[in-house]
């Protein structure tokens, strides 16, 4: 479930339906509806729609103003922050995710390592 909205997780457009085995967790930490947070959400949605790699990404939107305890989980000190969680490594991108090349590189890097 999407932490903020209660919706089902969003997936990349090319998700192969393999289920949990290929799922990678993306946590986007935001500060409610601030402009940078809204841009980060929109940029992440757009990047996932355009991604051509096979894994499924489970996206969690965490509002630090309403769920402050989650901030300590990933040592987040700035919003927006995107944290990619996997057993082999943790990747972080700070800011509104407005650089499509860097965001695509991060997502592809996460996909190449896998969950």
N, C-alpha and C. Protein backbone atom coordinates (compact mmCIF):
# COMPACT_ATOMS: atom_id res chain seq x y z
N UNK A 1 0.82 -1.19 0.00
CA UNK A 1 0.00 0.00 0.00
C UNK A 1 0.86 1.25 0.00
N UNK A 2 0.38 2.28 -0.63
CA UNK A 2 1.03 3.57 -0.61
C UNK A 2 0.81 4.17 0.77
N UNK A 3 1.89 4.47 1.48
CA UNK A 3 1.80 4.90 2.87
C UNK A 3 0.95 6.15 3.04
N UNK A 4 1.05 7.10 2.13
CA UNK A 4 0.33 8.36 2.29
C UNK A 4 -1.13 8.25 1.89
N UNK A 5 -1.40 7.59 0.78
CA UNK A 5 -2.74 7.63 0.23
C UNK A 5 -3.55 6.36 0.42
N UNK A 6 -2.90 5.28 0.86
CA UNK A 6 -3.61 4.02 1.00
C UNK A 6 -3.86 3.34 -0.33
N UNK A 7 -3.26 3.83 -1.41
CA UNK A 7 -3.44 3.23 -2.72
C UNK A 7 -2.46 2.09 -2.90
N UNK A 8 -2.73 1.25 -3.91
CA UNK A 8 -1.82 0.17 -4.24
C UNK A 8 -0.50 0.75 -4.71
N UNK A 9 0.60 -0.01 -4.56
CA UNK A 9 1.90 0.48 -5.00
C UNK A 9 1.91 0.76 -6.49
N UNK A 10 2.66 1.81 -6.87
CA UNK A 10 2.83 2.12 -8.28
C UNK A 10 3.98 1.28 -8.80
N UNK A 11 3.91 0.91 -10.06
CA UNK A 11 4.97 0.11 -10.65
C UNK A 11 5.44 0.76 -11.94
N UNK A 12 6.62 0.35 -12.38
CA UNK A 12 7.11 0.85 -13.65
C UNK A 12 6.20 0.33 -14.76
N UNK A 13 6.16 1.05 -15.86
CA UNK A 13 5.27 0.68 -16.96
C UNK A 13 5.61 -0.69 -17.54
N UNK A 14 6.87 -1.12 -17.37
CA UNK A 14 7.27 -2.39 -17.95
C UNK A 14 7.31 -3.51 -16.92
N UNK A 15 6.62 -3.35 -15.83
CA UNK A 15 6.64 -4.37 -14.78
C UNK A 15 6.25 -5.72 -15.37
N UNK A 16 7.00 -6.74 -14.99
CA UNK A 16 6.78 -8.04 -15.61
C UNK A 16 5.84 -8.93 -14.84
N UNK A 17 5.27 -8.43 -13.75
CA UNK A 17 4.30 -9.22 -13.01
C UNK A 17 4.91 -10.36 -12.22
N UNK A 18 6.23 -10.34 -12.02
CA UNK A 18 6.88 -11.44 -11.32
C UNK A 18 6.61 -11.41 -9.82
N UNK A 19 5.98 -10.35 -9.34
CA UNK A 19 5.62 -10.29 -7.93
C UNK A 19 6.77 -9.84 -7.06
N UNK A 20 6.74 -10.27 -5.81
CA UNK A 20 7.69 -9.82 -4.81
C UNK A 20 9.13 -10.15 -5.16
N UNK A 21 9.37 -11.19 -5.95
CA UNK A 21 10.72 -11.60 -6.25
C UNK A 21 11.52 -10.50 -6.94
N UNK A 22 10.87 -9.65 -7.73
CA UNK A 22 11.59 -8.60 -8.44
C UNK A 22 11.22 -7.21 -7.95
N UNK A 23 10.58 -7.11 -6.80
CA UNK A 23 10.12 -5.83 -6.29
C UNK A 23 11.22 -5.09 -5.54
N UNK A 24 11.35 -3.82 -5.82
CA UNK A 24 12.32 -2.95 -5.17
C UNK A 24 11.55 -1.83 -4.48
N UNK A 25 11.89 -1.53 -3.24
CA UNK A 25 11.18 -0.51 -2.47
C UNK A 25 11.78 0.87 -2.70
N UNK A 26 10.94 1.81 -3.09
CA UNK A 26 11.33 3.21 -3.22
C UNK A 26 10.56 3.98 -2.16
N UNK A 27 11.26 4.66 -1.28
CA UNK A 27 10.61 5.48 -0.26
C UNK A 27 10.88 6.94 -0.58
N UNK A 28 9.81 7.68 -0.84
CA UNK A 28 9.93 9.10 -1.10
C UNK A 28 9.46 9.85 0.13
N UNK A 29 10.40 10.49 0.80
CA UNK A 29 10.09 11.28 1.98
C UNK A 29 9.77 12.71 1.53
N UNK A 30 8.60 13.19 1.93
CA UNK A 30 8.14 14.51 1.53
C UNK A 30 7.70 15.30 2.76
N UNK A 31 7.49 16.60 2.56
CA UNK A 31 6.94 17.46 3.61
C UNK A 31 5.60 17.97 3.12
N UNK A 32 4.57 17.18 3.36
CA UNK A 32 3.19 17.48 2.96
C UNK A 32 3.11 17.93 1.51
N UNK A 33 2.45 19.04 1.27
CA UNK A 33 2.21 19.46 -0.12
C UNK A 33 3.09 20.65 -0.51
N UNK A 34 4.32 20.68 -0.02
CA UNK A 34 5.23 21.76 -0.42
C UNK A 34 5.54 21.62 -1.91
N UNK A 35 5.88 22.72 -2.58
CA UNK A 35 6.16 22.66 -4.02
C UNK A 35 7.24 21.64 -4.39
N UNK A 36 8.34 21.60 -3.64
CA UNK A 36 9.40 20.64 -3.96
C UNK A 36 8.91 19.20 -3.81
N UNK A 37 8.11 18.95 -2.80
CA UNK A 37 7.59 17.60 -2.58
C UNK A 37 6.64 17.20 -3.70
N UNK A 38 5.79 18.11 -4.13
CA UNK A 38 4.88 17.82 -5.24
C UNK A 38 5.65 17.55 -6.52
N UNK A 39 6.70 18.36 -6.78
CA UNK A 39 7.53 18.14 -7.97
C UNK A 39 8.23 16.78 -7.90
N UNK A 40 8.73 16.43 -6.73
CA UNK A 40 9.42 15.14 -6.59
C UNK A 40 8.46 13.99 -6.89
N UNK A 41 7.24 14.05 -6.38
CA UNK A 41 6.26 13.00 -6.65
C UNK A 41 5.96 12.92 -8.15
N UNK A 42 5.74 14.06 -8.77
CA UNK A 42 5.43 14.08 -10.21
C UNK A 42 6.61 13.56 -11.02
N UNK A 43 7.82 13.95 -10.66
CA UNK A 43 9.00 13.50 -11.40
C UNK A 43 9.23 12.00 -11.24
N UNK A 44 9.00 11.48 -10.04
CA UNK A 44 9.15 10.04 -9.83
C UNK A 44 8.10 9.27 -10.62
N UNK A 45 6.86 9.74 -10.58
CA UNK A 45 5.79 9.09 -11.37
C UNK A 45 6.16 9.06 -12.84
N UNK A 46 6.63 10.18 -13.37
CA UNK A 46 6.98 10.26 -14.79
C UNK A 46 8.14 9.31 -15.12
N UNK A 47 9.14 9.27 -14.27
CA UNK A 47 10.29 8.39 -14.51
C UNK A 47 9.88 6.93 -14.50
N UNK A 48 9.01 6.55 -13.59
CA UNK A 48 8.56 5.15 -13.53
C UNK A 48 7.73 4.78 -14.75
N UNK A 49 6.96 5.73 -15.26
CA UNK A 49 6.17 5.46 -16.47
C UNK A 49 7.07 5.23 -17.68
N UNK A 50 8.20 5.92 -17.73
CA UNK A 50 9.09 5.85 -18.89
C UNK A 50 10.17 4.79 -18.78
N UNK A 51 10.32 4.20 -17.63
CA UNK A 51 11.40 3.24 -17.40
C UNK A 51 11.20 1.98 -18.23
N UNK A 52 12.27 1.47 -18.79
CA UNK A 52 12.18 0.29 -19.66
C UNK A 52 12.87 -0.93 -19.07
N UNK A 53 13.13 -0.93 -17.77
CA UNK A 53 13.72 -2.11 -17.14
C UNK A 53 12.62 -2.92 -16.47
N UNK A 54 12.82 -4.21 -16.28
CA UNK A 54 11.73 -5.09 -15.85
C UNK A 54 11.27 -5.08 -14.40
N UNK A 55 12.01 -4.62 -13.40
CA UNK A 55 11.52 -4.85 -12.04
C UNK A 55 10.28 -4.03 -11.69
N UNK A 56 9.59 -4.50 -10.67
CA UNK A 56 8.47 -3.77 -10.11
C UNK A 56 8.99 -2.94 -8.95
N UNK A 57 8.63 -1.68 -8.92
CA UNK A 57 9.02 -0.80 -7.83
C UNK A 57 7.81 -0.58 -6.93
N UNK A 58 7.97 -0.86 -5.64
CA UNK A 58 6.93 -0.54 -4.66
C UNK A 58 7.27 0.84 -4.11
N UNK A 59 6.37 1.78 -4.32
CA UNK A 59 6.62 3.17 -3.92
C UNK A 59 5.85 3.48 -2.64
N UNK A 60 6.58 4.00 -1.66
CA UNK A 60 5.98 4.46 -0.42
C UNK A 60 6.19 5.97 -0.34
N UNK A 61 5.12 6.71 -0.15
CA UNK A 61 5.21 8.15 0.04
C UNK A 61 5.07 8.39 1.54
N UNK A 62 6.09 8.97 2.15
CA UNK A 62 6.09 9.17 3.60
C UNK A 62 6.16 10.66 3.89
N UNK A 63 5.10 11.17 4.48
CA UNK A 63 5.03 12.58 4.84
C UNK A 63 5.67 12.75 6.22
N UNK A 64 6.80 13.42 6.27
CA UNK A 64 7.55 13.55 7.53
C UNK A 64 6.81 14.41 8.55
N UNK A 65 5.87 15.21 8.10
CA UNK A 65 5.12 16.06 9.03
C UNK A 65 4.04 15.28 9.77
N UNK A 66 3.61 14.16 9.21
CA UNK A 66 2.59 13.35 9.87
C UNK A 66 3.13 12.01 10.37
N UNK A 67 4.29 11.61 9.90
CA UNK A 67 4.87 10.32 10.29
C UNK A 67 6.36 10.50 10.60
N UNK A 68 6.65 11.31 11.62
CA UNK A 68 8.02 11.66 11.97
C UNK A 68 8.89 10.48 12.37
N UNK A 69 8.30 9.42 12.90
CA UNK A 69 9.09 8.27 13.33
C UNK A 69 9.79 7.59 12.16
N UNK A 70 9.16 7.63 10.99
CA UNK A 70 9.75 6.98 9.81
C UNK A 70 11.02 7.68 9.34
N UNK A 71 11.18 8.94 9.67
CA UNK A 71 12.36 9.70 9.25
C UNK A 71 13.63 9.05 9.81
N UNK A 72 13.59 8.62 11.05
CA UNK A 72 14.76 8.00 11.68
C UNK A 72 15.10 6.66 11.03
N UNK A 73 14.12 5.98 10.48
CA UNK A 73 14.35 4.68 9.84
C UNK A 73 15.43 4.77 8.78
N UNK A 74 15.37 5.79 7.94
CA UNK A 74 16.32 5.93 6.84
C UNK A 74 17.27 7.10 7.02
N UNK A 75 17.32 7.66 8.23
CA UNK A 75 18.22 8.79 8.53
C UNK A 75 18.02 9.95 7.56
N UNK A 76 16.77 10.30 7.31
CA UNK A 76 16.44 11.39 6.41
C UNK A 76 16.50 12.71 7.17
N UNK A 77 17.23 13.68 6.62
CA UNK A 77 17.34 14.99 7.26
C UNK A 77 16.82 16.12 6.38
N UNK A 78 16.51 15.81 5.12
CA UNK A 78 16.05 16.81 4.15
C UNK A 78 14.92 16.21 3.35
N UNK A 79 13.95 17.03 2.97
CA UNK A 79 12.90 16.57 2.06
C UNK A 79 12.87 17.48 0.85
N UNK A 80 12.50 16.93 -0.28
CA UNK A 80 12.22 15.52 -0.54
C UNK A 80 13.50 14.70 -0.65
N UNK A 81 13.40 13.45 -0.25
CA UNK A 81 14.49 12.48 -0.36
C UNK A 81 13.91 11.16 -0.84
N UNK A 82 14.54 10.60 -1.87
CA UNK A 82 14.16 9.28 -2.38
C UNK A 82 15.18 8.28 -1.88
N UNK A 83 14.71 7.23 -1.22
CA UNK A 83 15.58 6.17 -0.71
C UNK A 83 15.18 4.87 -1.39
N UNK A 84 16.14 4.22 -2.00
CA UNK A 84 15.93 2.92 -2.63
C UNK A 84 16.42 1.87 -1.65
N UNK A 85 15.54 0.97 -1.25
CA UNK A 85 15.86 -0.04 -0.24
C UNK A 85 15.98 -1.41 -0.90
N UNK A 86 17.11 -2.03 -0.68
CA UNK A 86 17.34 -3.39 -1.14
C UNK A 86 18.27 -4.08 -0.18
N UNK A 87 18.33 -5.40 -0.22
CA UNK A 87 19.17 -6.12 0.74
C UNK A 87 20.66 -5.91 0.49
N UNK A 88 21.03 -5.59 -0.73
CA UNK A 88 22.45 -5.48 -1.05
C UNK A 88 22.99 -4.07 -0.88
N UNK A 89 22.13 -3.06 -1.06
CA UNK A 89 22.58 -1.69 -0.88
C UNK A 89 21.41 -0.74 -0.77
N UNK A 90 21.75 0.46 -0.35
CA UNK A 90 20.77 1.53 -0.16
C UNK A 90 21.23 2.71 -1.01
N UNK A 91 20.34 3.22 -1.85
CA UNK A 91 20.66 4.36 -2.71
C UNK A 91 19.80 5.53 -2.30
N UNK A 92 20.35 6.74 -2.38
CA UNK A 92 19.63 7.93 -1.95
C UNK A 92 19.78 9.03 -2.99
N UNK A 93 18.67 9.74 -3.24
CA UNK A 93 18.69 10.93 -4.09
C UNK A 93 17.91 12.02 -3.36
N UNK A 94 18.55 13.16 -3.17
CA UNK A 94 17.94 14.26 -2.44
C UNK A 94 17.51 15.35 -3.42
N UNK A 95 16.35 15.94 -3.15
CA UNK A 95 15.86 17.04 -3.98
C UNK A 95 14.57 16.67 -4.68
N UNK A 96 14.17 17.53 -5.63
CA UNK A 96 12.87 17.34 -6.28
C UNK A 96 12.90 16.36 -7.46
N UNK A 97 14.01 15.65 -7.63
CA UNK A 97 14.15 14.62 -8.66
C UNK A 97 13.98 15.20 -10.06
N UNK A 98 14.39 16.46 -10.24
CA UNK A 98 14.17 17.14 -11.52
C UNK A 98 15.20 16.82 -12.59
N UNK A 99 16.25 16.10 -12.25
CA UNK A 99 17.23 15.70 -13.25
C UNK A 99 16.87 14.30 -13.74
N UNK A 100 16.22 14.22 -14.91
CA UNK A 100 15.74 12.91 -15.37
C UNK A 100 16.87 11.91 -15.60
N UNK A 101 18.03 12.38 -16.02
CA UNK A 101 19.15 11.48 -16.25
C UNK A 101 19.64 10.83 -14.97
N UNK A 102 19.78 11.63 -13.92
CA UNK A 102 20.23 11.10 -12.63
C UNK A 102 19.18 10.15 -12.04
N UNK A 103 17.92 10.53 -12.14
CA UNK A 103 16.85 9.69 -11.59
C UNK A 103 16.77 8.37 -12.35
N UNK A 104 16.84 8.42 -13.67
CA UNK A 104 16.82 7.20 -14.46
C UNK A 104 18.03 6.32 -14.12
N UNK A 105 19.20 6.93 -13.96
CA UNK A 105 20.39 6.18 -13.59
C UNK A 105 20.24 5.49 -12.24
N UNK A 106 19.66 6.20 -11.28
CA UNK A 106 19.44 5.62 -9.95
C UNK A 106 18.50 4.43 -10.03
N UNK A 107 17.39 4.59 -10.77
CA UNK A 107 16.41 3.51 -10.90
C UNK A 107 17.00 2.31 -11.64
N UNK A 108 17.77 2.57 -12.68
CA UNK A 108 18.40 1.46 -13.42
C UNK A 108 19.46 0.77 -12.56
N UNK A 109 20.19 1.55 -11.79
CA UNK A 109 21.19 0.97 -10.88
C UNK A 109 20.51 0.07 -9.86
N UNK A 110 19.39 0.54 -9.30
CA UNK A 110 18.64 -0.26 -8.34
C UNK A 110 18.14 -1.54 -9.00
N UNK A 111 17.68 -1.42 -10.23
CA UNK A 111 17.15 -2.58 -10.94
C UNK A 111 18.25 -3.60 -11.26
N UNK A 112 19.47 -3.12 -11.50
CA UNK A 112 20.55 -4.03 -11.87
C UNK A 112 21.03 -4.86 -10.68
N UNK A 113 20.86 -4.31 -9.47
CA UNK A 113 21.26 -5.02 -8.26
C UNK A 113 20.14 -5.94 -7.82
N UNK A 114 18.91 -5.46 -7.96
CA UNK A 114 17.75 -6.26 -7.57
C UNK A 114 17.49 -6.17 -6.08
N UNK A 115 16.38 -6.77 -5.68
CA UNK A 115 15.98 -6.70 -4.28
C UNK A 115 16.88 -7.51 -3.37
